[in-house]
Amino acid sequence: MTNLNGIPTMEQSLEIMKEAERTNPGAWIKHSKYVARAARSIASKLKNVNPENAFVLGLLHDIGRKDGDMNMKHIIVGYNYLLSLGYAKGAKICLTHTFPSKEIDSIYGKWDCSKSEISFVKQYINNTEYDIYDKLIQLCDSFSMSSGYLLIEKKMVNSIIRHGMNEKNINRLKASLKLKNFFDKQIGESVYNLLPRVVQNTFGFNMKI
């Protein structure tokens, strides 16, 4: 049973992820958990944002990967899956989390979707107004790896090394940094202060600052 916002309960989301890990274990599971924890930590500092809902949405943002190895198709698979369960807000996050700049060509990786699916995503993103949860999960996705948290710029470099670079990637970086600035102002400090070991993970060794 959904709550009034179309978001699974904590118990439901954990069951969904447990089944997903059984069918397709991998680094994406740990990445999703890091996104969820960061979203909850930041949400706890915000007014009118439910930390548990933020955790759940972060946990399920990549749920489409439950069906196996894929690139951008996972956002469509996740959207359709959560929508079929009645979790409309969760389904929305599956699509919005990867487009902070609202440009579908700003992705890291490849479009392994049909032309009609790509057209649907483009139309959906262009016609969707991002709320605080969309923005929060976009931010948390931008600095979360399967091994922990990094500075946004370092996460982008890692993604470009793996997938290659296109001219729209810089717009995605600018949008992610703009989101960080927005949330920094909302909570009155850098969001990095809420992320364990972000400095060590970014630079690859322990250092004092």
N, C-alpha and C. Protein backbone atom coordinates (compact mmCIF):
# COMPACT_ATOMS: atom_id res chain seq x y z
N MET A 1 0.84 -1.20 0.00
CA MET A 1 0.00 0.00 0.00
C MET A 1 0.87 1.24 0.00
N THR A 2 0.63 2.18 -0.90
CA THR A 2 1.40 3.41 -0.98
C THR A 2 0.94 4.39 0.08
N ASN A 3 1.81 5.39 0.34
CA ASN A 3 1.33 6.50 1.14
C ASN A 3 0.70 7.51 0.19
N LEU A 4 0.25 8.62 0.72
CA LEU A 4 -0.48 9.58 -0.11
C LEU A 4 0.37 10.23 -1.17
N ASN A 5 1.70 10.12 -1.05
CA ASN A 5 2.58 10.76 -2.01
C ASN A 5 3.07 9.81 -3.10
N GLY A 6 2.53 8.61 -3.15
CA GLY A 6 2.96 7.66 -4.18
C GLY A 6 4.36 7.14 -3.95
N ILE A 7 4.75 7.02 -2.68
CA ILE A 7 6.08 6.55 -2.32
C ILE A 7 5.93 5.29 -1.46
N PRO A 8 6.70 4.24 -1.73
CA PRO A 8 6.62 3.05 -0.87
C PRO A 8 7.00 3.38 0.57
N THR A 9 6.54 2.58 1.49
CA THR A 9 6.99 2.71 2.86
C THR A 9 8.43 2.21 2.95
N MET A 10 9.06 2.47 4.06
CA MET A 10 10.42 1.98 4.27
C MET A 10 10.46 0.46 4.15
N GLU A 11 9.53 -0.20 4.79
CA GLU A 11 9.49 -1.67 4.75
C GLU A 11 9.31 -2.18 3.32
N GLN A 12 8.42 -1.55 2.57
CA GLN A 12 8.19 -1.97 1.19
C GLN A 12 9.43 -1.75 0.33
N SER A 13 10.09 -0.61 0.53
CA SER A 13 11.27 -0.31 -0.30
C SER A 13 12.41 -1.29 -0.01
N LEU A 14 12.56 -1.67 1.24
CA LEU A 14 13.62 -2.62 1.59
C LEU A 14 13.33 -3.99 0.99
N GLU A 15 12.06 -4.38 0.95
CA GLU A 15 11.69 -5.65 0.32
C GLU A 15 11.94 -5.61 -1.18
N ILE A 16 11.62 -4.48 -1.81
CA ILE A 16 11.86 -4.31 -3.25
C ILE A 16 13.35 -4.45 -3.55
N MET A 17 14.19 -3.80 -2.74
CA MET A 17 15.63 -3.86 -2.97
C MET A 17 16.20 -5.24 -2.66
N LYS A 18 15.64 -5.91 -1.68
CA LYS A 18 16.09 -7.26 -1.36
C LYS A 18 15.87 -8.19 -2.54
N GLU A 19 14.71 -8.09 -3.16
CA GLU A 19 14.42 -8.91 -4.34
C GLU A 19 15.29 -8.50 -5.52
N ALA A 20 15.51 -7.20 -5.67
CA ALA A 20 16.35 -6.71 -6.77
C ALA A 20 17.77 -7.21 -6.64
N GLU A 21 18.29 -7.21 -5.42
CA GLU A 21 19.65 -7.69 -5.20
C GLU A 21 19.76 -9.19 -5.48
N ARG A 22 18.69 -9.91 -5.21
CA ARG A 22 18.69 -11.34 -5.49
C ARG A 22 18.75 -11.60 -6.99
N THR A 23 18.02 -10.80 -7.77
CA THR A 23 17.95 -11.03 -9.21
C THR A 23 19.14 -10.43 -9.96
N ASN A 24 19.70 -9.32 -9.45
CA ASN A 24 20.85 -8.71 -10.13
C ASN A 24 21.76 -8.03 -9.12
N PRO A 25 22.55 -8.81 -8.40
CA PRO A 25 23.49 -8.22 -7.44
C PRO A 25 24.56 -7.42 -8.17
N GLY A 26 25.11 -6.42 -7.50
CA GLY A 26 26.15 -5.63 -8.13
C GLY A 26 26.41 -4.34 -7.40
N ALA A 27 27.36 -3.56 -7.94
CA ALA A 27 27.77 -2.31 -7.31
C ALA A 27 26.62 -1.31 -7.22
N TRP A 28 25.64 -1.43 -8.10
CA TRP A 28 24.53 -0.48 -8.10
C TRP A 28 23.74 -0.53 -6.79
N ILE A 29 23.74 -1.66 -6.13
CA ILE A 29 23.04 -1.79 -4.85
C ILE A 29 23.69 -0.89 -3.80
N LYS A 30 25.01 -0.97 -3.68
CA LYS A 30 25.71 -0.14 -2.71
C LYS A 30 25.57 1.34 -3.06
N HIS A 31 25.68 1.66 -4.35
CA HIS A 31 25.49 3.05 -4.79
C HIS A 31 24.13 3.57 -4.35
N SER A 32 23.10 2.77 -4.56
CA SER A 32 21.74 3.18 -4.19
C SER A 32 21.61 3.43 -2.70
N LYS A 33 22.26 2.61 -1.91
CA LYS A 33 22.20 2.77 -0.45
C LYS A 33 22.91 4.05 -0.02
N TYR A 34 24.03 4.37 -0.68
CA TYR A 34 24.72 5.62 -0.35
C TYR A 34 23.87 6.83 -0.73
N VAL A 35 23.21 6.78 -1.88
CA VAL A 35 22.32 7.87 -2.28
C VAL A 35 21.22 8.03 -1.24
N ALA A 36 20.64 6.92 -0.81
CA ALA A 36 19.55 6.96 0.17
C ALA A 36 20.00 7.58 1.49
N ARG A 37 21.16 7.17 1.97
CA ARG A 37 21.64 7.69 3.25
C ARG A 37 21.94 9.19 3.18
N ALA A 38 22.53 9.61 2.08
CA ALA A 38 22.82 11.04 1.90
C ALA A 38 21.53 11.84 1.83
N ALA A 39 20.56 11.33 1.09
CA ALA A 39 19.28 12.03 0.95
C ALA A 39 18.60 12.18 2.31
N ARG A 40 18.65 11.13 3.11
CA ARG A 40 18.04 11.20 4.45
C ARG A 40 18.77 12.21 5.33
N SER A 41 20.09 12.22 5.27
CA SER A 41 20.86 13.14 6.11
C SER A 41 20.57 14.59 5.75
N ILE A 42 20.53 14.89 4.46
CA ILE A 42 20.26 16.26 4.03
C ILE A 42 18.82 16.64 4.34
N ALA A 43 17.89 15.71 4.08
CA ALA A 43 16.47 15.97 4.34
C ALA A 43 16.21 16.28 5.80
N SER A 44 16.98 15.68 6.69
CA SER A 44 16.79 15.91 8.12
C SER A 44 17.11 17.34 8.52
N LYS A 45 17.81 18.06 7.64
CA LYS A 45 18.15 19.46 7.90
C LYS A 45 17.20 20.43 7.21
N LEU A 46 16.27 19.91 6.43
CA LEU A 46 15.37 20.74 5.63
C LEU A 46 13.99 20.82 6.25
N LYS A 47 13.32 21.91 6.02
CA LYS A 47 11.95 22.07 6.47
C LYS A 47 11.00 21.43 5.46
N ASN A 48 9.96 20.79 5.95
CA ASN A 48 8.90 20.23 5.11
C ASN A 48 9.40 19.17 4.13
N VAL A 49 10.47 18.49 4.49
CA VAL A 49 10.97 17.37 3.70
C VAL A 49 11.07 16.16 4.63
N ASN A 50 10.45 15.06 4.23
CA ASN A 50 10.40 13.87 5.07
C ASN A 50 11.66 13.02 4.86
N PRO A 51 12.51 12.88 5.87
CA PRO A 51 13.75 12.12 5.70
C PRO A 51 13.54 10.67 5.27
N GLU A 52 12.46 10.04 5.78
CA GLU A 52 12.21 8.65 5.39
C GLU A 52 11.82 8.56 3.93
N ASN A 53 10.99 9.48 3.46
CA ASN A 53 10.63 9.50 2.03
C ASN A 53 11.87 9.75 1.17
N ALA A 54 12.74 10.65 1.63
CA ALA A 54 13.96 10.93 0.89
C ALA A 54 14.83 9.68 0.79
N PHE A 55 14.94 8.94 1.89
CA PHE A 55 15.71 7.70 1.89
C PHE A 55 15.14 6.71 0.89
N VAL A 56 13.83 6.51 0.94
CA VAL A 56 13.17 5.54 0.06
C VAL A 56 13.37 5.91 -1.42
N LEU A 57 13.19 7.17 -1.75
CA LEU A 57 13.35 7.60 -3.14
C LEU A 57 14.79 7.45 -3.59
N GLY A 58 15.73 7.74 -2.72
CA GLY A 58 17.13 7.54 -3.07
C GLY A 58 17.45 6.07 -3.26
N LEU A 59 16.90 5.23 -2.40
CA LEU A 59 17.16 3.79 -2.47
C LEU A 59 16.66 3.20 -3.79
N LEU A 60 15.54 3.70 -4.28
CA LEU A 60 14.90 3.09 -5.46
C LEU A 60 15.17 3.82 -6.77
N HIS A 61 16.02 4.84 -6.76
CA HIS A 61 16.18 5.64 -7.99
C HIS A 61 16.72 4.84 -9.17
N ASP A 62 17.51 3.80 -8.90
CA ASP A 62 18.09 2.96 -9.96
C ASP A 62 17.45 1.58 -10.02
N ILE A 63 16.24 1.43 -9.52
CA ILE A 63 15.65 0.11 -9.37
C ILE A 63 15.48 -0.63 -10.70
N GLY A 64 15.48 0.10 -11.81
CA GLY A 64 15.39 -0.56 -13.12
C GLY A 64 16.53 -1.52 -13.38
N ARG A 65 17.64 -1.33 -12.69
CA ARG A 65 18.79 -2.21 -12.88
C ARG A 65 18.54 -3.62 -12.33
N LYS A 66 17.41 -3.81 -11.70
CA LYS A 66 17.06 -5.14 -11.20
C LYS A 66 16.96 -6.15 -12.32
N ASP A 67 16.68 -5.67 -13.53
CA ASP A 67 16.46 -6.57 -14.67
C ASP A 67 17.73 -6.88 -15.45
N GLY A 68 18.88 -6.49 -14.92
CA GLY A 68 20.13 -6.87 -15.57
C GLY A 68 20.97 -5.70 -16.04
N ASP A 69 22.05 -6.03 -16.72
CA ASP A 69 23.00 -5.02 -17.19
C ASP A 69 22.39 -4.19 -18.30
N MET A 70 22.37 -2.88 -18.11
CA MET A 70 21.83 -1.97 -19.13
C MET A 70 22.37 -0.58 -18.87
N ASN A 71 22.25 0.27 -19.86
CA ASN A 71 22.66 1.66 -19.72
C ASN A 71 21.45 2.51 -19.35
N MET A 72 21.06 3.45 -20.23
CA MET A 72 19.97 4.35 -19.89
C MET A 72 18.61 3.68 -19.84
N LYS A 73 18.51 2.50 -20.37
CA LYS A 73 17.23 1.80 -20.35
C LYS A 73 16.74 1.56 -18.93
N HIS A 74 17.65 1.57 -17.97
CA HIS A 74 17.24 1.30 -16.58
C HIS A 74 16.26 2.35 -16.07
N ILE A 75 16.31 3.57 -16.60
CA ILE A 75 15.38 4.59 -16.09
C ILE A 75 13.96 4.31 -16.55
N ILE A 76 13.82 3.79 -17.77
CA ILE A 76 12.50 3.43 -18.30
C ILE A 76 11.98 2.19 -17.57
N VAL A 77 12.84 1.19 -17.40
CA VAL A 77 12.44 -0.04 -16.71
C VAL A 77 12.00 0.29 -15.29
N GLY A 78 12.77 1.12 -14.59
CA GLY A 78 12.42 1.49 -13.22
C GLY A 78 11.13 2.27 -13.15
N TYR A 79 10.96 3.21 -14.08
CA TYR A 79 9.74 4.01 -14.13
C TYR A 79 8.51 3.11 -14.31
N ASN A 80 8.56 2.23 -15.29
CA ASN A 80 7.42 1.35 -15.56
C ASN A 80 7.15 0.39 -14.41
N TYR A 81 8.23 -0.09 -13.78
CA TYR A 81 8.08 -1.04 -12.68
C TYR A 81 7.38 -0.39 -11.48
N LEU A 82 7.89 0.75 -11.04
CA LEU A 82 7.29 1.39 -9.86
C LEU A 82 5.90 1.94 -10.16
N LEU A 83 5.69 2.38 -11.39
CA LEU A 83 4.36 2.86 -11.76
C LEU A 83 3.36 1.71 -11.72
N SER A 84 3.80 0.52 -12.14
CA SER A 84 2.91 -0.65 -12.13
C SER A 84 2.53 -1.05 -10.71
N LEU A 85 3.37 -0.69 -9.74
CA LEU A 85 3.09 -1.00 -8.33
C LEU A 85 2.28 0.10 -7.66
N GLY A 86 2.05 1.19 -8.38
CA GLY A 86 1.28 2.30 -7.83
C GLY A 86 2.10 3.37 -7.15
N TYR A 87 3.42 3.33 -7.34
CA TYR A 87 4.30 4.31 -6.70
C TYR A 87 4.69 5.40 -7.69
N ALA A 88 3.78 6.32 -7.92
CA ALA A 88 3.96 7.33 -8.96
C ALA A 88 5.16 8.24 -8.70
N LYS A 89 5.33 8.67 -7.46
CA LYS A 89 6.46 9.54 -7.15
C LYS A 89 7.78 8.81 -7.29
N GLY A 90 7.81 7.57 -6.84
CA GLY A 90 9.02 6.76 -7.02
C GLY A 90 9.35 6.57 -8.48
N ALA A 91 8.32 6.36 -9.29
CA ALA A 91 8.51 6.20 -10.73
C ALA A 91 9.09 7.47 -11.34
N LYS A 92 8.58 8.60 -10.90
CA LYS A 92 9.08 9.89 -11.41
C LYS A 92 10.57 10.05 -11.15
N ILE A 93 11.00 9.69 -9.93
CA ILE A 93 12.41 9.82 -9.57
C ILE A 93 13.29 8.97 -10.48
N CYS A 94 12.79 7.81 -10.88
CA CYS A 94 13.56 6.95 -11.79
C CYS A 94 13.93 7.69 -13.07
N LEU A 95 13.06 8.55 -13.53
CA LEU A 95 13.33 9.32 -14.75
C LEU A 95 14.09 10.60 -14.48
N THR A 96 13.74 11.32 -13.43
CA THR A 96 14.31 12.65 -13.24
C THR A 96 15.71 12.64 -12.64
N HIS A 97 16.11 11.57 -11.97
CA HIS A 97 17.34 11.63 -11.18
C HIS A 97 18.59 11.87 -12.03
N THR A 98 18.55 11.53 -13.27
CA THR A 98 19.75 11.63 -14.09
C THR A 98 19.80 12.86 -14.99
N PHE A 99 18.82 13.76 -14.84
CA PHE A 99 18.76 14.93 -15.73
C PHE A 99 18.69 16.25 -14.95
N PRO A 100 19.70 16.59 -14.16
CA PRO A 100 19.66 17.87 -13.46
C PRO A 100 19.64 19.06 -14.41
N SER A 101 20.18 18.89 -15.62
CA SER A 101 20.20 19.98 -16.59
C SER A 101 19.05 19.90 -17.59
N LYS A 102 18.19 18.90 -17.46
CA LYS A 102 17.04 18.70 -18.36
C LYS A 102 17.46 18.55 -19.82
N GLU A 103 18.64 18.02 -20.05
CA GLU A 103 19.12 17.73 -21.40
C GLU A 103 19.38 16.24 -21.51
N ILE A 104 18.65 15.56 -22.36
CA ILE A 104 18.79 14.11 -22.41
C ILE A 104 20.10 13.67 -23.06
N ASP A 105 20.81 14.60 -23.71
CA ASP A 105 22.11 14.27 -24.30
C ASP A 105 23.25 14.49 -23.32
N SER A 106 22.93 14.88 -22.08
CA SER A 106 23.98 15.14 -21.10
C SER A 106 24.37 13.89 -20.32
N ILE A 107 23.88 12.75 -20.73
CA ILE A 107 24.09 11.51 -19.99
C ILE A 107 25.53 11.01 -20.09
N TYR A 108 25.92 10.22 -19.12
CA TYR A 108 27.13 9.40 -19.21
C TYR A 108 26.65 8.02 -19.65
N GLY A 109 27.26 7.47 -20.68
CA GLY A 109 26.82 6.17 -21.16
C GLY A 109 26.04 6.30 -22.45
N LYS A 110 25.23 5.29 -22.73
CA LYS A 110 24.54 5.20 -24.01
C LYS A 110 23.03 5.05 -23.84
N TRP A 111 22.32 5.49 -24.87
CA TRP A 111 20.88 5.25 -24.94
C TRP A 111 20.65 3.87 -25.55
N ASP A 112 20.31 2.92 -24.73
CA ASP A 112 19.99 1.58 -25.22
C ASP A 112 18.48 1.38 -25.20
N CYS A 113 17.75 2.43 -25.59
CA CYS A 113 16.29 2.41 -25.61
C CYS A 113 15.81 2.56 -27.06
N SER A 114 14.54 2.28 -27.27
CA SER A 114 13.94 2.51 -28.59
C SER A 114 13.76 4.00 -28.81
N LYS A 115 13.52 4.38 -30.07
CA LYS A 115 13.30 5.80 -30.39
C LYS A 115 12.07 6.33 -29.67
N SER A 116 11.05 5.50 -29.56
CA SER A 116 9.83 5.94 -28.89
C SER A 116 10.07 6.14 -27.39
N GLU A 117 10.91 5.30 -26.79
CA GLU A 117 11.24 5.46 -25.37
C GLU A 117 12.04 6.73 -25.13
N ILE A 118 13.00 7.00 -26.01
CA ILE A 118 13.80 8.22 -25.88
C ILE A 118 12.91 9.44 -26.05
N SER A 119 12.00 9.39 -27.00
CA SER A 119 11.07 10.50 -27.21
C SER A 119 10.20 10.71 -25.99
N PHE A 120 9.76 9.63 -25.38
CA PHE A 120 8.94 9.73 -24.17
C PHE A 120 9.73 10.41 -23.04
N VAL A 121 10.96 9.97 -22.84
CA VAL A 121 11.79 10.55 -21.78
C VAL A 121 12.00 12.04 -22.02
N LYS A 122 12.32 12.40 -23.24
CA LYS A 122 12.55 13.81 -23.56
C LYS A 122 11.32 14.65 -23.28
N GLN A 123 10.18 14.18 -23.71
CA GLN A 123 8.93 14.92 -23.49
C GLN A 123 8.60 14.99 -22.00
N TYR A 124 8.80 13.88 -21.31
CA TYR A 124 8.50 13.83 -19.87
C TYR A 124 9.36 14.83 -19.11
N ILE A 125 10.65 14.80 -19.36
CA ILE A 125 11.57 15.68 -18.65
C ILE A 125 11.29 17.14 -18.97
N ASN A 126 11.05 17.45 -20.22
CA ASN A 126 10.80 18.84 -20.61
C ASN A 126 9.51 19.39 -20.01
N ASN A 127 8.54 18.51 -19.76
CA ASN A 127 7.23 18.95 -19.26
C ASN A 127 7.04 18.74 -17.76
N THR A 128 8.10 18.30 -17.08
CA THR A 128 8.00 18.01 -15.65
C THR A 128 8.65 19.10 -14.82
N GLU A 129 7.96 19.52 -13.79
CA GLU A 129 8.54 20.47 -12.84
C GLU A 129 9.20 19.69 -11.72
N TYR A 130 10.47 19.94 -11.49
CA TYR A 130 11.19 19.24 -10.44
C TYR A 130 10.80 19.79 -9.06
N ASP A 131 10.48 18.90 -8.13
CA ASP A 131 10.21 19.34 -6.77
C ASP A 131 11.46 19.10 -5.92
N ILE A 132 11.36 19.34 -4.64
CA ILE A 132 12.52 19.27 -3.76
C ILE A 132 13.11 17.86 -3.71
N TYR A 133 12.27 16.83 -3.84
CA TYR A 133 12.77 15.46 -3.81
C TYR A 133 13.52 15.11 -5.10
N ASP A 134 13.01 15.55 -6.25
CA ASP A 134 13.72 15.34 -7.51
C ASP A 134 15.12 15.94 -7.42
N LYS A 135 15.18 17.18 -6.95
CA LYS A 135 16.45 17.89 -6.86
C LYS A 135 17.39 17.23 -5.85
N LEU A 136 16.83 16.78 -4.74
CA LEU A 136 17.65 16.15 -3.71
C LEU A 136 18.28 14.86 -4.21
N ILE A 137 17.52 14.02 -4.89
CA ILE A 137 18.07 12.76 -5.39
C ILE A 137 19.06 13.02 -6.52
N GLN A 138 18.81 14.01 -7.36
CA GLN A 138 19.78 14.39 -8.39
C GLN A 138 21.11 14.76 -7.75
N LEU A 139 21.04 15.56 -6.69
CA LEU A 139 22.27 15.96 -6.01
C LEU A 139 22.99 14.76 -5.41
N CYS A 140 22.26 13.95 -4.68
CA CYS A 140 22.89 12.82 -4.00
C CYS A 140 23.47 11.81 -5.00
N ASP A 141 22.84 11.65 -6.13
CA ASP A 141 23.35 10.77 -7.17
C ASP A 141 24.66 11.32 -7.74
N SER A 142 24.81 12.64 -7.72
CA SER A 142 25.97 13.27 -8.36
C SER A 142 27.26 13.10 -7.56
N PHE A 143 27.17 12.73 -6.28
CA PHE A 143 28.40 12.55 -5.50
C PHE A 143 28.51 11.17 -4.85
N SER A 144 27.63 10.25 -5.22
CA SER A 144 27.63 8.92 -4.60
C SER A 144 28.17 7.86 -5.55
N MET A 145 29.13 7.11 -5.07
CA MET A 145 29.65 5.95 -5.80
C MET A 145 29.24 4.69 -5.03
N SER A 146 29.62 3.54 -5.53
CA SER A 146 29.36 2.30 -4.80
C SER A 146 30.32 2.15 -3.63
N SER A 147 31.41 2.94 -3.64
CA SER A 147 32.41 2.87 -2.58
C SER A 147 32.31 4.00 -1.58
N GLY A 148 31.36 4.92 -1.77
CA GLY A 148 31.20 6.03 -0.85
C GLY A 148 30.97 7.34 -1.57
N TYR A 149 31.28 8.44 -0.90
CA TYR A 149 31.00 9.78 -1.42
C TYR A 149 32.26 10.47 -1.92
N LEU A 150 32.08 11.23 -3.02
CA LEU A 150 33.16 11.99 -3.62
C LEU A 150 32.69 13.42 -3.85
N LEU A 151 33.65 14.34 -4.08
CA LEU A 151 33.27 15.64 -4.59
C LEU A 151 32.59 15.44 -5.94
N ILE A 152 31.62 16.28 -6.26
CA ILE A 152 30.87 16.16 -7.50
C ILE A 152 31.80 16.14 -8.71
N GLU A 153 32.81 16.99 -8.71
CA GLU A 153 33.73 17.06 -9.85
C GLU A 153 34.48 15.75 -10.05
N LYS A 154 34.88 15.12 -8.95
CA LYS A 154 35.61 13.85 -9.06
C LYS A 154 34.69 12.74 -9.57
N LYS A 155 33.45 12.74 -9.11
CA LYS A 155 32.50 11.73 -9.60
C LYS A 155 32.31 11.89 -11.11
N MET A 156 32.24 13.15 -11.59
CA MET A 156 32.07 13.39 -13.02
C MET A 156 33.28 12.87 -13.79
N VAL A 157 34.48 13.13 -13.29
CA VAL A 157 35.69 12.65 -13.96
C VAL A 157 35.68 11.13 -14.06
N ASN A 158 35.32 10.47 -12.97
CA ASN A 158 35.24 9.00 -12.99
C ASN A 158 34.25 8.50 -14.03
N SER A 159 33.10 9.19 -14.15
CA SER A 159 32.08 8.79 -15.12
C SER A 159 32.58 8.99 -16.55
N ILE A 160 33.27 10.10 -16.79
CA ILE A 160 33.78 10.39 -18.13
C ILE A 160 34.86 9.38 -18.52
N ILE A 161 35.70 8.99 -17.57
CA ILE A 161 36.73 8.00 -17.86
C ILE A 161 36.08 6.68 -18.28
N ARG A 162 34.99 6.32 -17.61
CA ARG A 162 34.32 5.06 -17.93
C ARG A 162 33.52 5.12 -19.22
N HIS A 163 32.85 6.24 -19.46
CA HIS A 163 31.87 6.29 -20.55
C HIS A 163 32.21 7.23 -21.70
N GLY A 164 33.22 8.08 -21.52
CA GLY A 164 33.52 9.08 -22.54
C GLY A 164 32.79 10.38 -22.25
N MET A 165 33.20 11.43 -22.97
CA MET A 165 32.66 12.76 -22.71
C MET A 165 31.93 13.29 -23.92
N ASN A 166 30.86 14.07 -23.68
CA ASN A 166 30.23 14.81 -24.77
C ASN A 166 30.06 16.26 -24.34
N GLU A 167 29.74 17.12 -25.28
CA GLU A 167 29.72 18.56 -25.01
C GLU A 167 28.66 18.96 -24.00
N LYS A 168 27.66 18.12 -23.78
CA LYS A 168 26.60 18.46 -22.83
C LYS A 168 26.94 18.09 -21.37
N ASN A 169 28.02 17.31 -21.19
CA ASN A 169 28.38 16.91 -19.83
C ASN A 169 28.67 18.11 -18.94
N ILE A 170 29.25 19.16 -19.51
CA ILE A 170 29.58 20.34 -18.71
C ILE A 170 28.31 21.01 -18.18
N ASN A 171 27.23 20.96 -18.95
CA ASN A 171 25.97 21.52 -18.48
C ASN A 171 25.42 20.71 -17.31
N ARG A 172 25.63 19.41 -17.37
CA ARG A 172 25.20 18.56 -16.26
C ARG A 172 25.99 18.88 -15.00
N LEU A 173 27.31 19.09 -15.16
CA LEU A 173 28.14 19.45 -14.02
C LEU A 173 27.69 20.78 -13.43
N LYS A 174 27.45 21.77 -14.27
CA LYS A 174 27.00 23.07 -13.78
C LYS A 174 25.68 22.95 -13.03
N ALA A 175 24.77 22.13 -13.55
CA ALA A 175 23.47 21.95 -12.90
C ALA A 175 23.64 21.28 -11.54
N SER A 176 24.54 20.31 -11.46
CA SER A 176 24.77 19.61 -10.18
C SER A 176 25.38 20.54 -9.16
N LEU A 177 26.32 21.37 -9.58
CA LEU A 177 26.94 22.32 -8.67
C LEU A 177 25.93 23.39 -8.22
N LYS A 178 25.03 23.75 -9.12
CA LYS A 178 23.96 24.69 -8.76
C LYS A 178 23.05 24.07 -7.70
N LEU A 179 22.76 22.79 -7.83
CA LEU A 179 21.95 22.09 -6.83
C LEU A 179 22.66 22.07 -5.48
N LYS A 180 23.96 21.81 -5.51
CA LYS A 180 24.71 21.81 -4.25
C LYS A 180 24.63 23.18 -3.58
N ASN A 181 24.80 24.23 -4.35
CA ASN A 181 24.73 25.57 -3.81
C ASN A 181 23.34 25.85 -3.21
N PHE A 182 22.30 25.38 -3.89
CA PHE A 182 20.93 25.54 -3.40
C PHE A 182 20.74 24.87 -2.05
N PHE A 183 21.18 23.61 -1.95
CA PHE A 183 20.98 22.87 -0.69
C PHE A 183 21.93 23.36 0.40
N ASP A 184 23.13 23.80 0.02
CA ASP A 184 24.01 24.40 1.02
C ASP A 184 23.33 25.57 1.71
N LYS A 185 22.68 26.41 0.92
CA LYS A 185 22.00 27.58 1.47
C LYS A 185 20.80 27.16 2.31
N GLN A 186 20.12 26.11 1.89
CA GLN A 186 18.94 25.65 2.63
C GLN A 186 19.30 25.13 4.01
N ILE A 187 20.43 24.44 4.13
CA ILE A 187 20.79 23.83 5.42
C ILE A 187 21.79 24.68 6.21
N GLY A 188 22.32 25.72 5.58
CA GLY A 188 23.23 26.61 6.28
C GLY A 188 24.65 26.11 6.42
N GLU A 189 25.02 25.14 5.63
CA GLU A 189 26.39 24.61 5.62
C GLU A 189 26.57 23.77 4.36
N SER A 190 27.79 23.37 4.08
CA SER A 190 28.03 22.52 2.92
C SER A 190 27.44 21.13 3.15
N VAL A 191 26.77 20.60 2.14
CA VAL A 191 26.23 19.24 2.26
C VAL A 191 27.36 18.24 2.45
N TYR A 192 28.56 18.58 2.01
CA TYR A 192 29.69 17.68 2.19
C TYR A 192 29.97 17.41 3.67
N ASN A 193 29.60 18.36 4.52
CA ASN A 193 29.80 18.16 5.96
C ASN A 193 28.98 17.00 6.51
N LEU A 194 27.95 16.61 5.77
CA LEU A 194 27.07 15.53 6.22
C LEU A 194 27.48 14.17 5.64
N LEU A 195 28.49 14.16 4.80
CA LEU A 195 28.89 12.94 4.11
C LEU A 195 30.17 12.38 4.71
N PRO A 196 30.13 11.18 5.26
CA PRO A 196 31.35 10.61 5.85
C PRO A 196 32.42 10.31 4.81
N ARG A 197 33.66 10.66 5.15
CA ARG A 197 34.85 10.30 4.37
C ARG A 197 34.86 10.86 2.94
N VAL A 198 34.14 11.95 2.69
CA VAL A 198 34.13 12.48 1.32
C VAL A 198 35.51 12.97 0.91
N VAL A 199 36.27 13.57 1.83
CA VAL A 199 37.62 14.03 1.51
C VAL A 199 38.55 12.85 1.24
N GLN A 200 38.52 11.86 2.12
CA GLN A 200 39.39 10.69 1.95
C GLN A 200 39.07 9.93 0.67
N ASN A 201 37.80 9.76 0.39
CA ASN A 201 37.40 9.05 -0.83
C ASN A 201 37.80 9.80 -2.08
N THR A 202 37.66 11.12 -2.04
CA THR A 202 37.98 11.94 -3.21
C THR A 202 39.47 11.91 -3.53
N PHE A 203 40.30 12.06 -2.50
CA PHE A 203 41.74 12.17 -2.74
C PHE A 203 42.49 10.86 -2.59
N GLY A 204 41.80 9.85 -2.12
CA GLY A 204 42.39 8.52 -2.11
C GLY A 204 43.30 8.22 -0.93
N PHE A 205 43.32 9.10 0.07
CA PHE A 205 44.12 8.84 1.26
C PHE A 205 43.56 9.69 2.39
N ASN A 206 43.97 9.36 3.61
CA ASN A 206 43.54 10.13 4.77
C ASN A 206 44.30 11.43 4.86
N MET A 207 43.58 12.51 5.05
CA MET A 207 44.25 13.80 5.20
C MET A 207 43.45 14.67 6.14
N LYS A 208 44.13 15.55 6.81
CA LYS A 208 43.48 16.47 7.72
C LYS A 208 43.33 17.82 7.04
N ILE A 209 42.14 18.43 7.21
CA ILE A 209 41.93 19.75 6.64
C ILE A 209 41.45 20.71 7.73
